[in-house]
Amino acid sequence: MEIISYCGILCNECPVYVATANNDGQMKTRLAKEYSSERNQFLAEDINCYGCFWEGNDCSKMCGNCDIRNSAKTKEVKNCGYCGDYPCLHITSHLPEGSKNRQRLDKIKTSL
């Protein structure tokens, strides 16, 4: 079953989701190093997600401050493709036209 996040990511194909679902500590450690930057440092315990719709993400270091997620939650839409404001500034600034996630949301929007 596909789980399409607010921004069009297939949650069940996301490495963070997979590592969490499989409780794979080695994968979480590798992803923490891969996703860390000067601005954001992640530890293996920060790599914890069961998808955008999981309430545990509200205080997640990775997803808690996601502009796209927070906007969609406020508007109470299934994902951004269902939003009357799609594509908004959050989408256009984070998802390039033609990207897989944007194409997925565009397809949802045009099917409404």
N, C-alpha and C. Protein backbone atom coordinates (compact mmCIF):
# COMPACT_ATOMS: atom_id res chain seq x y z
N MET A 1 0.84 -1.18 0.00
CA MET A 1 0.00 0.00 0.00
C MET A 1 0.89 1.25 0.00
N GLU A 2 0.59 2.18 -0.88
CA GLU A 2 1.35 3.43 -0.93
C GLU A 2 0.82 4.40 0.12
N ILE A 3 1.74 5.05 0.80
CA ILE A 3 1.40 6.11 1.73
C ILE A 3 2.03 7.38 1.16
N ILE A 4 1.18 8.28 0.65
CA ILE A 4 1.68 9.52 0.04
C ILE A 4 1.66 10.62 1.08
N SER A 5 2.84 11.16 1.36
CA SER A 5 2.97 12.21 2.36
C SER A 5 2.38 13.52 1.86
N TYR A 6 2.37 14.52 2.72
CA TYR A 6 1.87 15.84 2.34
C TYR A 6 2.59 16.39 1.12
N CYS A 7 3.90 16.17 1.04
CA CYS A 7 4.70 16.75 -0.05
C CYS A 7 4.88 15.79 -1.23
N GLY A 8 4.21 14.65 -1.18
CA GLY A 8 4.27 13.73 -2.31
C GLY A 8 5.28 12.60 -2.19
N ILE A 9 6.06 12.59 -1.13
CA ILE A 9 6.98 11.47 -0.92
C ILE A 9 6.16 10.22 -0.66
N LEU A 10 6.62 9.10 -1.18
CA LEU A 10 6.02 7.82 -0.81
C LEU A 10 6.66 7.40 0.50
N CYS A 11 5.94 7.59 1.59
CA CYS A 11 6.49 7.33 2.92
C CYS A 11 7.08 5.92 3.01
N ASN A 12 6.37 4.95 2.49
CA ASN A 12 6.82 3.57 2.64
C ASN A 12 8.08 3.26 1.83
N GLU A 13 8.54 4.21 1.01
CA GLU A 13 9.81 4.05 0.29
C GLU A 13 10.91 4.95 0.86
N CYS A 14 10.56 5.79 1.82
CA CYS A 14 11.52 6.71 2.43
C CYS A 14 12.47 5.92 3.33
N PRO A 15 13.77 6.15 3.22
CA PRO A 15 14.73 5.42 4.05
C PRO A 15 14.50 5.59 5.56
N VAL A 16 14.07 6.77 5.99
CA VAL A 16 13.83 7.00 7.41
C VAL A 16 12.64 6.15 7.89
N TYR A 17 11.59 6.14 7.09
CA TYR A 17 10.41 5.31 7.41
C TYR A 17 10.80 3.83 7.45
N VAL A 18 11.55 3.37 6.45
CA VAL A 18 11.97 1.97 6.38
C VAL A 18 12.83 1.60 7.59
N ALA A 19 13.79 2.45 7.93
CA ALA A 19 14.66 2.19 9.09
C ALA A 19 13.84 2.11 10.37
N THR A 20 12.86 2.98 10.51
CA THR A 20 12.01 2.99 11.70
C THR A 20 11.13 1.74 11.74
N ALA A 21 10.47 1.45 10.63
CA ALA A 21 9.57 0.29 10.57
C ALA A 21 10.31 -1.02 10.84
N ASN A 22 11.55 -1.10 10.37
CA ASN A 22 12.35 -2.31 10.56
C ASN A 22 13.20 -2.28 11.83
N ASN A 23 13.11 -1.18 12.57
CA ASN A 23 13.92 -0.99 13.78
C ASN A 23 15.39 -1.32 13.50
N ASP A 24 15.89 -0.74 12.40
CA ASP A 24 17.24 -1.02 11.92
C ASP A 24 18.21 0.04 12.44
N GLY A 25 18.88 -0.28 13.53
CA GLY A 25 19.80 0.66 14.17
C GLY A 25 20.97 1.06 13.30
N GLN A 26 21.51 0.12 12.53
CA GLN A 26 22.63 0.44 11.65
C GLN A 26 22.20 1.41 10.55
N MET A 27 21.03 1.19 10.00
CA MET A 27 20.53 2.09 8.96
C MET A 27 20.26 3.47 9.54
N LYS A 28 19.71 3.53 10.76
CA LYS A 28 19.46 4.82 11.40
C LYS A 28 20.76 5.58 11.63
N THR A 29 21.80 4.88 12.05
CA THR A 29 23.11 5.50 12.27
C THR A 29 23.67 6.06 10.96
N ARG A 30 23.57 5.27 9.90
CA ARG A 30 24.06 5.70 8.59
C ARG A 30 23.27 6.91 8.10
N LEU A 31 21.95 6.88 8.24
CA LEU A 31 21.11 8.00 7.78
C LEU A 31 21.37 9.26 8.60
N ALA A 32 21.60 9.11 9.89
CA ALA A 32 21.90 10.27 10.74
C ALA A 32 23.14 10.98 10.24
N LYS A 33 24.16 10.22 9.89
CA LYS A 33 25.39 10.82 9.35
C LYS A 33 25.12 11.46 7.99
N GLU A 34 24.37 10.76 7.15
CA GLU A 34 24.09 11.24 5.79
C GLU A 34 23.27 12.53 5.80
N TYR A 35 22.31 12.65 6.71
CA TYR A 35 21.41 13.81 6.74
C TYR A 35 21.94 14.96 7.59
N SER A 36 23.00 14.74 8.34
CA SER A 36 23.56 15.81 9.17
C SER A 36 24.30 16.84 8.32
N SER A 37 24.25 18.07 8.80
CA SER A 37 24.96 19.17 8.14
C SER A 37 25.50 20.07 9.24
N GLU A 38 26.15 21.15 8.86
CA GLU A 38 26.62 22.10 9.87
C GLU A 38 25.45 22.67 10.65
N ARG A 39 24.35 22.88 9.97
CA ARG A 39 23.17 23.49 10.58
C ARG A 39 22.38 22.52 11.45
N ASN A 40 22.28 21.27 11.01
CA ASN A 40 21.50 20.26 11.72
C ASN A 40 22.32 18.99 11.90
N GLN A 41 22.51 18.62 13.14
CA GLN A 41 23.21 17.38 13.45
C GLN A 41 22.18 16.37 13.95
N PHE A 42 22.17 15.19 13.34
CA PHE A 42 21.24 14.14 13.73
C PHE A 42 21.97 12.98 14.37
N LEU A 43 21.31 12.37 15.33
CA LEU A 43 21.78 11.14 15.96
C LEU A 43 20.86 10.02 15.49
N ALA A 44 21.28 8.78 15.68
CA ALA A 44 20.46 7.64 15.27
C ALA A 44 19.06 7.72 15.87
N GLU A 45 18.94 8.18 17.11
CA GLU A 45 17.63 8.25 17.76
C GLU A 45 16.73 9.34 17.17
N ASP A 46 17.30 10.26 16.38
CA ASP A 46 16.51 11.28 15.69
C ASP A 46 15.85 10.71 14.43
N ILE A 47 16.36 9.61 13.96
CA ILE A 47 15.84 8.97 12.74
C ILE A 47 14.70 8.07 13.17
N ASN A 48 13.51 8.65 13.25
CA ASN A 48 12.35 7.94 13.76
C ASN A 48 11.10 8.53 13.13
N CYS A 49 10.48 7.77 12.21
CA CYS A 49 9.30 8.30 11.52
C CYS A 49 8.44 7.16 11.00
N TYR A 50 7.15 7.29 11.23
CA TYR A 50 6.16 6.37 10.66
C TYR A 50 5.28 7.10 9.65
N GLY A 51 5.84 8.10 9.00
CA GLY A 51 5.12 8.86 7.98
C GLY A 51 4.65 10.21 8.49
N CYS A 52 4.35 11.08 7.56
CA CYS A 52 3.94 12.45 7.89
C CYS A 52 2.73 12.54 8.81
N PHE A 53 1.87 11.55 8.74
CA PHE A 53 0.61 11.63 9.47
C PHE A 53 0.74 11.13 10.91
N TRP A 54 1.92 10.62 11.25
CA TRP A 54 2.20 10.12 12.59
C TRP A 54 2.34 11.31 13.54
N GLU A 55 1.55 11.32 14.60
CA GLU A 55 1.58 12.44 15.54
C GLU A 55 2.95 12.60 16.21
N GLY A 56 3.74 11.53 16.29
CA GLY A 56 5.07 11.62 16.87
C GLY A 56 5.98 12.56 16.12
N ASN A 57 5.63 12.88 14.88
CA ASN A 57 6.44 13.80 14.09
C ASN A 57 6.26 15.25 14.51
N ASP A 58 5.25 15.54 15.30
CA ASP A 58 5.04 16.93 15.73
C ASP A 58 6.24 17.47 16.49
N CYS A 59 6.94 16.61 17.21
CA CYS A 59 8.11 17.06 17.96
C CYS A 59 9.39 16.43 17.42
N SER A 60 9.32 15.87 16.22
CA SER A 60 10.47 15.24 15.59
C SER A 60 11.49 16.27 15.17
N LYS A 61 12.76 15.97 15.41
CA LYS A 61 13.83 16.86 14.99
C LYS A 61 13.90 16.93 13.46
N MET A 62 13.53 15.85 12.79
CA MET A 62 13.57 15.82 11.33
C MET A 62 12.36 16.51 10.70
N CYS A 63 11.17 16.28 11.23
CA CYS A 63 9.95 16.70 10.54
C CYS A 63 9.09 17.70 11.28
N GLY A 64 9.35 17.92 12.55
CA GLY A 64 8.49 18.78 13.36
C GLY A 64 8.36 20.20 12.85
N ASN A 65 9.39 20.71 12.19
CA ASN A 65 9.36 22.09 11.70
C ASN A 65 9.19 22.16 10.18
N CYS A 66 8.71 21.09 9.58
CA CYS A 66 8.52 21.08 8.12
C CYS A 66 7.39 22.03 7.73
N ASP A 67 7.71 23.05 6.94
CA ASP A 67 6.71 24.04 6.51
C ASP A 67 5.57 23.38 5.74
N ILE A 68 5.90 22.46 4.86
CA ILE A 68 4.88 21.80 4.05
C ILE A 68 3.95 21.00 4.94
N ARG A 69 4.51 20.19 5.82
CA ARG A 69 3.71 19.35 6.71
C ARG A 69 2.83 20.22 7.62
N ASN A 70 3.40 21.25 8.20
CA ASN A 70 2.65 22.10 9.13
C ASN A 70 1.52 22.84 8.42
N SER A 71 1.76 23.30 7.20
CA SER A 71 0.72 23.99 6.44
C SER A 71 -0.42 23.02 6.10
N ALA A 72 -0.09 21.83 5.63
CA ALA A 72 -1.11 20.85 5.26
C ALA A 72 -1.92 20.40 6.47
N LYS A 73 -1.24 20.24 7.61
CA LYS A 73 -1.97 19.86 8.83
C LYS A 73 -2.94 20.96 9.24
N THR A 74 -2.49 22.22 9.14
CA THR A 74 -3.35 23.34 9.50
C THR A 74 -4.58 23.40 8.60
N LYS A 75 -4.37 23.12 7.32
CA LYS A 75 -5.47 23.17 6.35
C LYS A 75 -6.31 21.89 6.33
N GLU A 76 -5.84 20.89 7.09
CA GLU A 76 -6.54 19.61 7.22
C GLU A 76 -6.82 18.95 5.87
N VAL A 77 -5.77 18.90 5.04
CA VAL A 77 -5.88 18.22 3.74
C VAL A 77 -5.13 16.89 3.81
N LYS A 78 -5.56 15.95 2.99
CA LYS A 78 -4.94 14.62 2.96
C LYS A 78 -3.47 14.73 2.53
N ASN A 79 -3.20 15.53 1.52
CA ASN A 79 -1.85 15.92 1.13
C ASN A 79 -1.99 17.18 0.28
N CYS A 80 -0.89 17.75 -0.12
CA CYS A 80 -0.93 19.05 -0.80
C CYS A 80 -1.68 19.03 -2.13
N GLY A 81 -1.75 17.89 -2.77
CA GLY A 81 -2.50 17.78 -4.02
C GLY A 81 -3.98 18.09 -3.84
N TYR A 82 -4.49 17.92 -2.63
CA TYR A 82 -5.90 18.17 -2.33
C TYR A 82 -6.17 19.61 -1.88
N CYS A 83 -5.13 20.41 -1.76
CA CYS A 83 -5.27 21.77 -1.25
C CYS A 83 -5.70 22.73 -2.36
N GLY A 84 -6.61 23.62 -2.02
CA GLY A 84 -7.08 24.63 -2.97
C GLY A 84 -6.01 25.64 -3.34
N ASP A 85 -4.96 25.75 -2.55
CA ASP A 85 -3.87 26.69 -2.82
C ASP A 85 -2.70 26.05 -3.56
N TYR A 86 -2.83 24.77 -3.91
CA TYR A 86 -1.74 24.06 -4.58
C TYR A 86 -1.55 24.57 -6.01
N PRO A 87 -0.30 24.80 -6.41
CA PRO A 87 0.94 24.75 -5.66
C PRO A 87 1.23 26.08 -4.99
N CYS A 88 1.46 26.04 -3.72
CA CYS A 88 1.74 27.25 -2.95
C CYS A 88 3.25 27.49 -2.91
N LEU A 89 3.65 28.54 -2.23
CA LEU A 89 5.06 28.90 -2.12
C LEU A 89 5.88 27.79 -1.45
N HIS A 90 5.28 27.11 -0.47
CA HIS A 90 5.99 26.01 0.19
C HIS A 90 6.36 24.93 -0.83
N ILE A 91 5.44 24.60 -1.69
CA ILE A 91 5.69 23.56 -2.70
C ILE A 91 6.67 24.06 -3.75
N THR A 92 6.44 25.24 -4.29
CA THR A 92 7.29 25.72 -5.38
C THR A 92 8.73 25.97 -4.93
N SER A 93 8.91 26.28 -3.64
CA SER A 93 10.28 26.53 -3.17
C SER A 93 11.02 25.25 -2.78
N HIS A 94 10.29 24.15 -2.54
CA HIS A 94 10.93 22.91 -2.10
C HIS A 94 10.86 21.77 -3.12
N LEU A 95 9.88 21.81 -4.00
CA LEU A 95 9.71 20.71 -4.96
C LEU A 95 9.78 21.25 -6.39
N PRO A 96 10.86 20.98 -7.07
CA PRO A 96 10.98 21.47 -8.45
C PRO A 96 9.93 20.85 -9.36
N GLU A 97 9.47 21.64 -10.33
CA GLU A 97 8.56 21.09 -11.33
C GLU A 97 9.24 19.90 -12.00
N GLY A 98 8.46 18.85 -12.22
CA GLY A 98 9.01 17.67 -12.88
C GLY A 98 9.59 16.64 -11.92
N SER A 99 9.78 17.01 -10.65
CA SER A 99 10.28 16.03 -9.68
C SER A 99 9.20 14.97 -9.45
N LYS A 100 9.61 13.80 -9.03
CA LYS A 100 8.64 12.71 -8.81
C LYS A 100 7.56 13.11 -7.81
N ASN A 101 7.96 13.76 -6.74
CA ASN A 101 6.98 14.16 -5.73
C ASN A 101 5.99 15.17 -6.28
N ARG A 102 6.50 16.12 -7.02
CA ARG A 102 5.63 17.15 -7.62
C ARG A 102 4.70 16.53 -8.65
N GLN A 103 5.20 15.61 -9.46
CA GLN A 103 4.36 14.92 -10.45
C GLN A 103 3.25 14.14 -9.76
N ARG A 104 3.58 13.50 -8.66
CA ARG A 104 2.58 12.73 -7.90
C ARG A 104 1.48 13.65 -7.40
N LEU A 105 1.84 14.81 -6.85
CA LEU A 105 0.85 15.77 -6.36
C LEU A 105 0.07 16.39 -7.51
N ASP A 106 0.73 16.70 -8.62
CA ASP A 106 0.05 17.25 -9.79
C ASP A 106 -1.03 16.29 -10.28
N LYS A 107 -0.71 15.01 -10.29
CA LYS A 107 -1.66 13.98 -10.76
C LYS A 107 -2.88 13.94 -9.84
N ILE A 108 -2.65 14.05 -8.54
CA ILE A 108 -3.76 14.08 -7.59
C ILE A 108 -4.63 15.31 -7.85
N LYS A 109 -3.97 16.47 -8.01
CA LYS A 109 -4.70 17.73 -8.22
C LYS A 109 -5.56 17.68 -9.48
N THR A 110 -5.00 17.15 -10.56
CA THR A 110 -5.76 17.11 -11.82
C THR A 110 -6.88 16.06 -11.81
N SER A 111 -6.81 15.09 -10.89
CA SER A 111 -7.87 14.07 -10.83
C SER A 111 -9.06 14.52 -10.01
N LEU A 112 -8.97 15.67 -9.35
CA LEU A 112 -10.09 16.16 -8.51
C LEU A 112 -11.18 16.78 -9.33
